[in-house]
Protein backbone atom coordinates (compact mmCIF):
# COMPACT_ATOMS: atom_id res chain seq x y z
CA ILE A 1 7.02 1.53 -6.62
CA ARG A 2 7.33 2.22 -2.90
CA ALA A 3 6.79 5.95 -3.44
CA LEU A 4 3.63 5.20 -5.41
CA GLU A 5 2.32 3.07 -2.54
CA ASP A 6 2.98 5.95 -0.14
CA ASN A 7 1.02 8.30 -2.39
CA VAL A 8 -1.88 5.84 -2.51
CA ALA A 9 -1.85 5.64 1.28
CA LYS A 10 -2.07 9.44 1.47
CA TYR A 11 -4.99 9.47 -0.98
CA GLU A 12 -6.75 6.78 1.04
CA GLN A 13 -6.45 8.95 4.15
CA LYS A 14 -7.75 11.99 2.25
CA PHE A 15 -10.52 10.56 0.10
CA GLY A 16 -11.05 7.04 1.41
CA LYS A 17 -9.89 3.92 -0.39
CA ILE A 18 -9.35 4.60 -4.11
CA GLU A 19 -10.01 0.95 -4.90
CA GLU A 20 -13.73 1.56 -4.32
CA ALA A 21 -15.29 2.43 -7.67
CA SER A 22 -18.08 4.26 -5.81
CA VAL A 23 -15.73 7.21 -5.22
CA PRO A 24 -16.62 10.01 -7.68
CA GLU A 25 -13.71 10.46 -10.10
CA SER A 26 -14.32 14.21 -10.26
CA SER A 27 -13.56 14.53 -6.54
CA LEU A 28 -10.19 12.87 -7.15
CA GLY A 29 -9.39 15.26 -10.01
CA PHE A 30 -9.20 12.46 -12.62
CA GLN A 31 -12.35 13.31 -14.58
CA VAL A 32 -10.61 15.64 -17.04
CA GLU A 33 -7.75 13.19 -17.64
CA ARG A 34 -10.08 10.30 -18.47
CA GLN A 35 -12.17 12.17 -21.04
């Protein structure tokens, strides 16, 4: 779980907080996975 939190922290630094739904999913690379 700790490693996952570290990864989230890195993503927050790169893309801004992931918790915000306003972030385009395509920019995070998740769009293909969700379809």
